[in-house]
N, C-alpha and C. Protein backbone atom coordinates (compact mmCIF):
# COMPACT_ATOMS: atom_id res chain seq x y z
N UNK A 1 108.95 234.34 73.75
CA UNK A 1 108.87 235.69 73.22
C UNK A 1 110.27 236.25 73.03
N UNK A 2 110.39 237.07 72.01
CA UNK A 2 111.67 237.72 71.76
C UNK A 2 111.72 239.04 72.52
N UNK A 3 112.90 239.63 72.60
CA UNK A 3 113.04 240.91 73.28
C UNK A 3 112.20 241.99 72.59
N UNK A 4 112.14 241.93 71.27
CA UNK A 4 111.34 242.92 70.53
C UNK A 4 109.85 242.79 70.86
N UNK A 5 109.39 241.58 71.12
CA UNK A 5 107.99 241.38 71.48
C UNK A 5 107.70 241.79 72.92
N UNK A 6 108.68 241.62 73.78
CA UNK A 6 108.49 241.93 75.19
C UNK A 6 108.58 243.43 75.46
N UNK A 7 109.45 244.13 74.74
CA UNK A 7 109.69 245.55 75.01
C UNK A 7 108.41 246.39 75.01
N UNK A 8 107.51 246.27 74.03
CA UNK A 8 106.29 247.07 74.09
C UNK A 8 105.42 246.73 75.30
N UNK A 9 105.49 245.51 75.76
CA UNK A 9 104.70 245.12 76.92
C UNK A 9 105.23 245.73 78.21
N UNK A 10 106.49 246.15 78.18
CA UNK A 10 107.09 246.73 79.38
C UNK A 10 106.69 248.18 79.58
N UNK A 11 106.11 248.81 78.57
CA UNK A 11 105.64 250.19 78.69
C UNK A 11 104.33 250.17 79.47
N UNK A 12 104.40 250.52 80.73
CA UNK A 12 103.21 250.47 81.58
C UNK A 12 102.61 251.85 81.80
N UNK A 13 102.92 252.78 80.90
CA UNK A 13 102.35 254.12 81.05
C UNK A 13 100.86 254.13 80.75
N UNK A 14 100.41 253.17 79.92
CA UNK A 14 98.98 253.07 79.66
C UNK A 14 98.34 252.31 80.82
N UNK A 15 97.32 252.86 81.40
CA UNK A 15 96.70 252.32 82.60
C UNK A 15 96.19 250.88 82.41
N UNK A 16 95.55 250.59 81.27
CA UNK A 16 95.00 249.24 81.09
C UNK A 16 96.11 248.19 81.03
N UNK A 17 97.24 248.55 80.42
CA UNK A 17 98.37 247.62 80.36
C UNK A 17 98.98 247.42 81.74
N UNK A 18 99.06 248.51 82.50
CA UNK A 18 99.59 248.44 83.86
C UNK A 18 98.71 247.53 84.72
N UNK A 19 97.40 247.71 84.61
CA UNK A 19 96.48 246.90 85.40
C UNK A 19 96.57 245.42 85.00
N UNK A 20 96.73 245.17 83.70
CA UNK A 20 96.88 243.79 83.23
C UNK A 20 98.14 243.16 83.82
N UNK A 21 99.25 243.92 83.80
CA UNK A 21 100.52 243.40 84.34
C UNK A 21 100.39 243.10 85.83
N UNK A 22 99.74 243.98 86.57
CA UNK A 22 99.56 243.78 88.01
C UNK A 22 98.71 242.54 88.26
N UNK A 23 97.64 242.39 87.49
CA UNK A 23 96.76 241.23 87.65
C UNK A 23 97.51 239.93 87.39
N UNK A 24 98.30 239.91 86.32
CA UNK A 24 99.06 238.70 85.99
C UNK A 24 100.10 238.39 87.06
N UNK A 25 100.79 239.41 87.53
CA UNK A 25 101.79 239.20 88.57
C UNK A 25 101.14 238.75 89.87
N UNK A 26 99.98 239.29 90.16
CA UNK A 26 99.28 238.91 91.38
C UNK A 26 98.95 237.41 91.37
N UNK A 27 98.52 236.92 90.22
CA UNK A 27 98.25 235.48 90.10
C UNK A 27 99.50 234.65 90.33
N UNK A 28 100.61 235.11 89.81
CA UNK A 28 101.88 234.39 90.00
C UNK A 28 102.28 234.38 91.47
N UNK A 29 102.12 235.52 92.15
CA UNK A 29 102.46 235.58 93.57
C UNK A 29 101.53 234.72 94.41
N UNK A 30 100.25 234.68 94.06
CA UNK A 30 99.31 233.82 94.79
C UNK A 30 99.68 232.35 94.62
N UNK A 31 100.05 231.97 93.41
CA UNK A 31 100.48 230.60 93.14
C UNK A 31 101.72 230.26 93.97
N UNK A 32 102.70 231.17 93.97
CA UNK A 32 103.92 230.95 94.75
C UNK A 32 103.61 230.84 96.24
N UNK A 33 102.75 231.72 96.73
CA UNK A 33 102.40 231.70 98.15
C UNK A 33 101.73 230.37 98.53
N UNK A 34 100.87 229.86 97.67
CA UNK A 34 100.21 228.58 97.94
C UNK A 34 101.24 227.45 98.02
N UNK A 35 102.23 227.49 97.15
CA UNK A 35 103.28 226.45 97.18
C UNK A 35 104.15 226.58 98.42
N UNK A 36 104.44 227.80 98.84
CA UNK A 36 105.32 228.01 99.99
C UNK A 36 104.62 227.79 101.32
N UNK A 37 103.28 227.87 101.33
CA UNK A 37 102.53 227.69 102.57
C UNK A 37 101.82 226.34 102.63
N UNK A 38 102.01 225.50 101.63
CA UNK A 38 101.43 224.16 101.65
C UNK A 38 99.96 224.10 101.30
N UNK A 39 99.42 225.13 100.67
CA UNK A 39 98.01 225.16 100.29
C UNK A 39 97.83 224.68 98.85
N UNK A 40 98.48 223.57 98.54
CA UNK A 40 98.44 223.03 97.18
C UNK A 40 98.57 221.52 97.27
N UNK A 41 98.54 220.86 96.13
CA UNK A 41 98.73 219.42 96.08
C UNK A 41 100.10 219.08 96.69
N UNK A 42 100.18 217.98 97.40
CA UNK A 42 101.42 217.64 98.11
C UNK A 42 102.63 217.52 97.19
N UNK A 43 102.42 217.15 95.94
CA UNK A 43 103.57 217.02 95.03
C UNK A 43 104.17 218.38 94.66
N UNK A 44 103.42 219.46 94.89
CA UNK A 44 103.91 220.81 94.59
C UNK A 44 104.27 221.59 95.86
N UNK A 45 104.11 220.98 97.00
CA UNK A 45 104.33 221.64 98.28
C UNK A 45 105.82 221.93 98.49
N UNK A 46 106.14 223.18 98.74
CA UNK A 46 107.54 223.60 98.94
C UNK A 46 107.81 224.07 100.37
N UNK A 47 106.90 223.79 101.31
CA UNK A 47 107.09 224.31 102.66
C UNK A 47 108.38 223.81 103.30
N UNK A 48 108.70 222.55 103.10
CA UNK A 48 109.91 222.00 103.72
C UNK A 48 111.17 222.63 103.11
N UNK A 49 111.18 222.76 101.80
CA UNK A 49 112.34 223.38 101.14
C UNK A 49 112.48 224.84 101.57
N UNK A 50 111.35 225.53 101.71
CA UNK A 50 111.36 226.92 102.16
C UNK A 50 111.91 227.02 103.58
N UNK A 51 111.50 226.09 104.44
CA UNK A 51 112.00 226.08 105.82
C UNK A 51 113.51 225.86 105.85
N UNK A 52 114.00 224.94 105.04
CA UNK A 52 115.45 224.68 104.99
C UNK A 52 116.18 225.94 104.54
N UNK A 53 115.64 226.63 103.54
CA UNK A 53 116.27 227.88 103.07
C UNK A 53 116.26 228.94 104.15
N UNK A 54 115.15 229.03 104.87
CA UNK A 54 115.06 230.01 105.97
C UNK A 54 116.09 229.70 107.05
N UNK A 55 116.21 228.43 107.40
CA UNK A 55 117.15 228.04 108.45
C UNK A 55 118.60 228.12 108.00
N UNK A 56 118.84 228.02 106.71
CA UNK A 56 120.21 228.13 106.20
C UNK A 56 120.80 229.51 106.48
N UNK A 57 119.93 230.49 106.72
CA UNK A 57 120.41 231.84 107.07
C UNK A 57 121.25 231.83 108.34
N UNK A 58 121.03 230.84 109.19
CA UNK A 58 121.80 230.76 110.43
C UNK A 58 123.30 230.57 110.19
N UNK A 59 123.65 230.17 108.98
CA UNK A 59 125.06 229.94 108.67
C UNK A 59 125.68 231.15 107.96
N UNK A 60 124.92 232.23 107.90
CA UNK A 60 125.41 233.53 107.42
C UNK A 60 125.72 234.34 108.67
N UNK A 61 126.99 234.56 108.99
CA UNK A 61 127.33 235.27 110.22
C UNK A 61 126.74 236.68 110.28
N UNK A 62 126.49 237.32 109.14
CA UNK A 62 125.88 238.64 109.18
C UNK A 62 124.42 238.55 109.63
N UNK A 63 123.73 237.47 109.29
CA UNK A 63 122.36 237.26 109.76
C UNK A 63 122.36 237.11 111.28
N UNK A 64 123.29 236.32 111.78
CA UNK A 64 123.40 236.10 113.23
C UNK A 64 123.75 237.41 113.93
N UNK A 65 124.63 238.21 113.32
CA UNK A 65 125.04 239.48 113.92
C UNK A 65 123.90 240.50 113.95
N UNK A 66 123.04 240.46 112.95
CA UNK A 66 122.00 241.49 112.81
C UNK A 66 120.65 241.10 113.38
N UNK A 67 120.46 239.85 113.78
CA UNK A 67 119.15 239.39 114.25
C UNK A 67 119.27 238.76 115.63
N UNK A 68 118.12 238.70 116.29
CA UNK A 68 118.07 238.10 117.62
C UNK A 68 117.92 236.59 117.50
N UNK A 69 119.02 235.93 117.19
CA UNK A 69 119.00 234.48 117.05
C UNK A 69 119.07 233.88 118.45
N UNK A 70 118.15 232.97 118.72
CA UNK A 70 118.12 232.35 120.04
C UNK A 70 118.06 230.83 119.90
N UNK A 71 117.91 230.15 121.03
CA UNK A 71 117.88 228.69 121.04
C UNK A 71 116.73 228.13 120.21
N UNK A 72 115.61 228.85 120.12
CA UNK A 72 114.47 228.38 119.31
C UNK A 72 114.86 228.26 117.84
N UNK A 73 115.63 229.24 117.35
CA UNK A 73 116.11 229.18 115.96
C UNK A 73 116.94 227.91 115.76
N UNK A 74 117.83 227.67 116.70
CA UNK A 74 118.73 226.52 116.57
C UNK A 74 117.96 225.21 116.66
N UNK A 75 116.99 225.13 117.56
CA UNK A 75 116.19 223.91 117.70
C UNK A 75 115.42 223.60 116.42
N UNK A 76 115.03 224.62 115.69
CA UNK A 76 114.32 224.42 114.43
C UNK A 76 115.21 223.72 113.39
N UNK A 77 116.52 223.75 113.59
CA UNK A 77 117.44 223.06 112.66
C UNK A 77 117.20 221.55 112.64
N UNK A 78 116.48 221.03 113.60
CA UNK A 78 116.16 219.59 113.60
C UNK A 78 115.31 219.23 112.39
N UNK A 79 114.70 220.21 111.74
CA UNK A 79 113.91 219.96 110.52
C UNK A 79 114.81 219.66 109.32
N UNK A 80 116.09 220.02 109.42
CA UNK A 80 117.04 219.74 108.34
C UNK A 80 117.60 218.34 108.61
N UNK A 81 117.10 217.37 107.88
CA UNK A 81 117.37 215.96 108.16
C UNK A 81 118.85 215.63 108.32
N UNK A 82 119.75 216.05 107.42
CA UNK A 82 121.16 215.70 107.62
C UNK A 82 121.74 216.24 108.93
N UNK A 83 121.26 217.39 109.38
CA UNK A 83 121.73 217.93 110.66
C UNK A 83 121.13 217.15 111.82
N UNK A 84 119.85 216.81 111.71
CA UNK A 84 119.17 216.09 112.78
C UNK A 84 119.77 214.70 113.00
N UNK A 85 120.27 214.08 111.94
CA UNK A 85 120.81 212.72 112.04
C UNK A 85 122.30 212.68 112.38
N UNK A 86 123.00 213.80 112.18
CA UNK A 86 124.45 213.81 112.37
C UNK A 86 124.79 213.58 113.84
N UNK A 87 125.85 212.85 114.06
CA UNK A 87 126.37 212.56 115.41
C UNK A 87 125.30 211.90 116.28
N UNK A 88 124.55 210.98 115.68
CA UNK A 88 123.53 210.26 116.44
C UNK A 88 122.40 211.14 116.92
N UNK A 89 122.16 212.23 116.23
CA UNK A 89 121.07 213.14 116.59
C UNK A 89 121.45 214.16 117.65
N UNK A 90 122.73 214.24 117.99
CA UNK A 90 123.17 215.15 119.06
C UNK A 90 123.63 216.51 118.56
N UNK A 91 123.84 216.65 117.26
CA UNK A 91 124.45 217.87 116.74
C UNK A 91 123.63 219.12 117.04
N UNK A 92 122.31 219.06 116.89
CA UNK A 92 121.49 220.25 117.10
C UNK A 92 121.63 220.75 118.53
N UNK A 93 121.63 219.84 119.50
CA UNK A 93 121.81 220.24 120.90
C UNK A 93 123.20 220.84 121.12
N UNK A 94 124.19 220.28 120.46
CA UNK A 94 125.55 220.81 120.58
C UNK A 94 125.66 222.20 119.95
N UNK A 95 124.92 222.43 118.87
CA UNK A 95 124.90 223.75 118.25
C UNK A 95 124.29 224.77 119.21
N UNK A 96 123.25 224.35 119.89
CA UNK A 96 122.60 225.24 120.86
C UNK A 96 123.59 225.63 121.97
N UNK A 97 124.38 224.68 122.42
CA UNK A 97 125.37 224.96 123.45
C UNK A 97 126.48 225.89 122.97
N UNK A 98 126.80 225.82 121.69
CA UNK A 98 127.88 226.63 121.12
C UNK A 98 127.37 227.97 120.56
N UNK A 99 126.05 228.20 120.64
CA UNK A 99 125.46 229.42 120.06
C UNK A 99 126.06 230.71 120.62
N UNK A 100 126.22 230.87 121.94
CA UNK A 100 126.79 232.13 122.44
C UNK A 100 128.18 232.43 121.86
N UNK A 101 128.98 231.39 121.72
CA UNK A 101 130.32 231.54 121.14
C UNK A 101 130.23 231.99 119.68
N UNK A 102 129.29 231.39 118.93
CA UNK A 102 129.07 231.75 117.53
C UNK A 102 128.60 233.20 117.42
N UNK A 103 127.66 233.59 118.28
CA UNK A 103 127.14 234.96 118.24
C UNK A 103 128.24 235.97 118.54
N UNK A 104 129.10 235.64 119.48
CA UNK A 104 130.21 236.54 119.82
C UNK A 104 131.17 236.67 118.64
N UNK A 105 131.45 235.56 117.97
CA UNK A 105 132.37 235.59 116.82
C UNK A 105 131.76 236.34 115.64
N UNK A 106 130.44 236.24 115.49
CA UNK A 106 129.76 236.87 114.35
C UNK A 106 129.49 238.36 114.57
N UNK A 107 129.57 238.81 115.80
CA UNK A 107 129.27 240.21 116.12
C UNK A 107 130.11 241.15 115.25
N UNK A 108 129.44 242.08 114.61
CA UNK A 108 130.13 243.06 113.79
C UNK A 108 130.39 242.63 112.36
N UNK A 109 130.18 241.37 112.03
CA UNK A 109 130.41 240.92 110.65
C UNK A 109 129.31 241.45 109.75
N UNK A 110 129.71 241.96 108.60
CA UNK A 110 128.74 242.38 107.60
C UNK A 110 129.31 242.09 106.22
N UNK A 111 128.42 241.99 105.25
CA UNK A 111 128.85 241.73 103.88
C UNK A 111 127.78 242.24 102.93
N UNK A 112 128.15 242.33 101.67
CA UNK A 112 127.25 242.83 100.63
C UNK A 112 126.36 241.69 100.13
N UNK A 113 125.09 241.71 100.53
CA UNK A 113 124.16 240.66 100.12
C UNK A 113 123.69 240.82 98.68
N UNK A 114 123.91 241.98 98.09
CA UNK A 114 123.43 242.21 96.72
C UNK A 114 124.37 241.62 95.67
N UNK A 115 125.60 241.34 96.04
CA UNK A 115 126.58 240.75 95.12
C UNK A 115 126.81 239.30 95.54
N UNK A 116 126.26 238.37 94.80
CA UNK A 116 126.30 236.96 95.18
C UNK A 116 127.73 236.46 95.35
N UNK A 117 128.60 236.79 94.42
CA UNK A 117 129.98 236.32 94.49
C UNK A 117 130.70 236.89 95.71
N UNK A 118 130.54 238.19 95.95
CA UNK A 118 131.19 238.83 97.10
C UNK A 118 130.64 238.27 98.41
N UNK A 119 129.33 238.07 98.46
CA UNK A 119 128.69 237.51 99.65
C UNK A 119 129.22 236.11 99.93
N UNK A 120 129.24 235.28 98.91
CA UNK A 120 129.71 233.90 99.06
C UNK A 120 131.16 233.87 99.53
N UNK A 121 132.01 234.66 98.89
CA UNK A 121 133.42 234.70 99.28
C UNK A 121 133.58 235.16 100.73
N UNK A 122 132.85 236.20 101.12
CA UNK A 122 132.98 236.73 102.48
C UNK A 122 132.54 235.71 103.52
N UNK A 123 131.43 235.05 103.28
CA UNK A 123 130.93 234.06 104.24
C UNK A 123 131.87 232.86 104.32
N UNK A 124 132.33 232.36 103.18
CA UNK A 124 133.24 231.21 103.20
C UNK A 124 134.57 231.57 103.87
N UNK A 125 135.07 232.78 103.62
CA UNK A 125 136.30 233.23 104.30
C UNK A 125 136.08 233.28 105.81
N UNK A 126 134.93 233.79 106.22
CA UNK A 126 134.62 233.88 107.65
C UNK A 126 134.61 232.48 108.27
N UNK A 127 133.97 231.53 107.59
CA UNK A 127 133.91 230.17 108.13
C UNK A 127 135.29 229.52 108.16
N UNK A 128 136.11 229.78 107.14
CA UNK A 128 137.47 229.24 107.15
C UNK A 128 138.24 229.75 108.36
N UNK A 129 138.04 231.00 108.68
CA UNK A 129 138.75 231.62 109.80
C UNK A 129 138.24 231.13 111.16
N UNK A 130 136.93 230.89 111.29
CA UNK A 130 136.33 230.61 112.59
C UNK A 130 135.94 229.15 112.83
N UNK A 131 136.01 228.30 111.83
CA UNK A 131 135.53 226.91 111.98
C UNK A 131 136.27 226.14 113.06
N UNK A 132 137.53 226.44 113.27
CA UNK A 132 138.31 225.70 114.29
C UNK A 132 137.85 226.05 115.71
N UNK A 133 137.37 227.27 115.90
CA UNK A 133 136.90 227.69 117.22
C UNK A 133 135.43 227.33 117.45
N UNK A 134 134.72 227.09 116.37
CA UNK A 134 133.30 226.74 116.43
C UNK A 134 133.13 225.36 115.80
N UNK A 135 133.64 224.35 116.46
CA UNK A 135 133.71 223.02 115.86
C UNK A 135 132.35 222.49 115.41
N UNK A 136 131.35 222.58 116.26
CA UNK A 136 130.04 222.03 115.91
C UNK A 136 129.37 222.86 114.82
N UNK A 137 129.45 224.18 114.93
CA UNK A 137 128.88 225.04 113.89
C UNK A 137 129.64 224.86 112.58
N UNK A 138 130.94 224.64 112.66
CA UNK A 138 131.73 224.39 111.46
C UNK A 138 131.30 223.10 110.76
N UNK A 139 131.06 222.04 111.56
CA UNK A 139 130.56 220.78 110.98
C UNK A 139 129.21 220.99 110.33
N UNK A 140 128.32 221.67 111.04
CA UNK A 140 126.97 221.91 110.52
C UNK A 140 127.02 222.77 109.26
N UNK A 141 127.91 223.76 109.24
CA UNK A 141 128.04 224.62 108.05
C UNK A 141 128.47 223.80 106.85
N UNK A 142 129.41 222.89 107.03
CA UNK A 142 129.83 222.03 105.91
C UNK A 142 128.66 221.20 105.39
N UNK A 143 127.83 220.71 106.30
CA UNK A 143 126.67 219.92 105.89
C UNK A 143 125.69 220.79 105.10
N UNK A 144 125.37 221.95 105.64
CA UNK A 144 124.40 222.83 104.99
C UNK A 144 124.93 223.35 103.66
N UNK A 145 126.20 223.70 103.61
CA UNK A 145 126.77 224.22 102.36
C UNK A 145 126.83 223.14 101.27
N UNK A 146 126.76 221.88 101.66
CA UNK A 146 126.80 220.81 100.66
C UNK A 146 125.42 220.39 100.17
N UNK A 147 124.36 220.95 100.75
CA UNK A 147 123.01 220.62 100.29
C UNK A 147 122.79 221.19 98.90
N UNK A 148 122.23 220.38 98.03
CA UNK A 148 121.94 220.82 96.67
C UNK A 148 120.63 221.59 96.67
N UNK A 149 120.62 222.80 96.11
CA UNK A 149 119.40 223.60 96.14
C UNK A 149 118.38 223.21 95.08
N UNK A 150 118.64 222.18 94.33
CA UNK A 150 117.69 221.79 93.27
C UNK A 150 117.82 220.31 92.97
N UNK A 151 117.12 219.88 91.96
CA UNK A 151 117.10 218.46 91.61
C UNK A 151 117.98 218.15 90.40
N UNK A 152 118.97 218.99 90.13
CA UNK A 152 119.80 218.79 88.94
C UNK A 152 120.49 217.43 88.91
N UNK A 153 120.99 216.98 90.05
CA UNK A 153 121.69 215.69 90.08
C UNK A 153 120.76 214.56 89.64
N UNK A 154 119.54 214.57 90.14
CA UNK A 154 118.57 213.53 89.74
C UNK A 154 118.25 213.64 88.26
N UNK A 155 118.06 214.86 87.81
CA UNK A 155 117.71 215.06 86.40
C UNK A 155 118.85 214.63 85.49
N UNK A 156 120.09 214.81 85.94
CA UNK A 156 121.22 214.33 85.15
C UNK A 156 121.19 212.82 85.02
N UNK A 157 120.80 212.15 86.10
CA UNK A 157 120.68 210.69 86.06
C UNK A 157 119.64 210.24 85.05
N UNK A 158 118.49 210.91 85.05
CA UNK A 158 117.45 210.55 84.08
C UNK A 158 117.89 210.89 82.66
N UNK A 159 118.63 211.97 82.52
CA UNK A 159 119.14 212.34 81.20
C UNK A 159 120.10 211.28 80.69
N UNK A 160 120.97 210.78 81.58
CA UNK A 160 121.88 209.70 81.19
C UNK A 160 121.11 208.46 80.77
N UNK A 161 120.07 208.12 81.53
CA UNK A 161 119.25 206.96 81.15
C UNK A 161 118.67 207.14 79.76
N UNK A 162 118.15 208.34 79.51
CA UNK A 162 117.53 208.59 78.20
C UNK A 162 118.57 208.48 77.09
N UNK A 163 119.75 209.06 77.32
CA UNK A 163 120.81 208.99 76.30
C UNK A 163 121.32 207.57 76.10
N UNK A 164 121.42 206.82 77.18
CA UNK A 164 121.96 205.47 77.08
C UNK A 164 120.96 204.46 76.52
N UNK A 165 119.69 204.62 76.92
CA UNK A 165 118.70 203.61 76.56
C UNK A 165 117.57 204.14 75.68
N UNK A 166 117.55 205.43 75.42
CA UNK A 166 116.52 206.00 74.55
C UNK A 166 115.12 205.74 75.07
N UNK A 167 114.24 205.42 74.17
CA UNK A 167 112.84 205.19 74.53
C UNK A 167 112.65 203.88 75.29
N UNK A 168 113.65 203.03 75.31
CA UNK A 168 113.53 201.75 76.00
C UNK A 168 113.94 201.83 77.47
N UNK A 169 114.12 203.04 78.01
CA UNK A 169 114.58 203.16 79.39
C UNK A 169 113.59 202.57 80.39
N UNK A 170 112.29 202.62 80.07
CA UNK A 170 111.30 202.02 80.97
C UNK A 170 111.48 200.50 81.04
N UNK A 171 111.83 199.91 79.91
CA UNK A 171 112.04 198.46 79.88
C UNK A 171 113.32 198.06 80.60
N UNK A 172 114.27 198.97 80.69
CA UNK A 172 115.55 198.68 81.33
C UNK A 172 115.36 198.28 82.78
N UNK A 173 114.49 198.98 83.48
CA UNK A 173 114.24 198.67 84.89
C UNK A 173 113.64 197.27 85.01
N UNK A 174 112.70 196.95 84.15
CA UNK A 174 112.09 195.61 84.19
C UNK A 174 113.14 194.54 83.91
N UNK A 175 114.00 194.79 82.93
CA UNK A 175 115.07 193.83 82.61
C UNK A 175 116.01 193.66 83.80
N UNK A 176 116.35 194.76 84.45
CA UNK A 176 117.24 194.72 85.60
C UNK A 176 116.62 193.89 86.72
N UNK A 177 115.34 194.13 87.01
CA UNK A 177 114.67 193.38 88.07
C UNK A 177 114.59 191.89 87.75
N UNK A 178 114.28 191.57 86.50
CA UNK A 178 114.21 190.17 86.10
C UNK A 178 115.58 189.50 86.25
N UNK A 179 116.62 190.19 85.82
CA UNK A 179 117.98 189.64 85.93
C UNK A 179 118.36 189.42 87.39
N UNK A 180 118.07 190.40 88.24
CA UNK A 180 118.39 190.29 89.66
C UNK A 180 117.64 189.12 90.29
N UNK A 181 116.37 188.98 89.93
CA UNK A 181 115.56 187.89 90.47
C UNK A 181 116.10 186.53 90.02
N UNK A 182 116.46 186.42 88.75
CA UNK A 182 117.00 185.16 88.23
C UNK A 182 118.32 184.81 88.92
N UNK A 183 119.19 185.79 89.09
CA UNK A 183 120.46 185.54 89.76
C UNK A 183 120.23 185.10 91.20
N UNK A 184 119.33 185.76 91.88
CA UNK A 184 119.05 185.42 93.27
C UNK A 184 118.45 184.02 93.38
N UNK A 185 117.52 183.73 92.48
CA UNK A 185 116.85 182.43 92.50
C UNK A 185 117.85 181.31 92.25
N UNK A 186 118.79 181.55 91.36
CA UNK A 186 119.80 180.55 91.03
C UNK A 186 121.02 180.61 91.95
N UNK A 187 120.92 181.43 93.00
CA UNK A 187 121.98 181.58 94.01
C UNK A 187 123.31 181.99 93.39
N UNK A 188 123.24 182.88 92.46
CA UNK A 188 124.47 183.39 91.83
C UNK A 188 124.71 184.81 92.31
N UNK A 189 125.96 185.11 92.51
CA UNK A 189 126.34 186.44 92.97
C UNK A 189 127.30 187.03 91.97
N UNK A 190 127.09 188.28 91.62
CA UNK A 190 128.01 188.95 90.70
C UNK A 190 129.09 189.67 91.45
């Protein structure tokens, strides 16, 4: 739709149009809620991604300063696979031990959450300043800040395949497997 087509739809002074808009939005929110709570097909389930986003708040010092963050919050970080596996699985326990120090450092920190750039700069500056004193939280912050919030990297890979091989990209995998099998069978190494 163009802006000219959308503009008349935005006039909700007429009751029937307002009710229609509410009904449509309600359906969208119900769909989103089903995806976020796992009440949908497993391929559309976003509960794990939602949990990771919720737990990522722990690396915002203003969140820690304004909320009652306790050991239970930190223990839930075990759901974030890269954190759970780091340092032989010991990092989450070490974060729990360093939590009082982190809370003391975060006390009084605030930032503008409505301005994404200002928020990002403030949080990254805070971590640059405090990472040396909060070694384990600093390591965990680097891990969490490096998580990709979407599947763009994978999609770029598929896009490259399509550009490189066109419609024959499905055959490329079969060719690759056949070549690998032939090389292995003939005991050849590349």
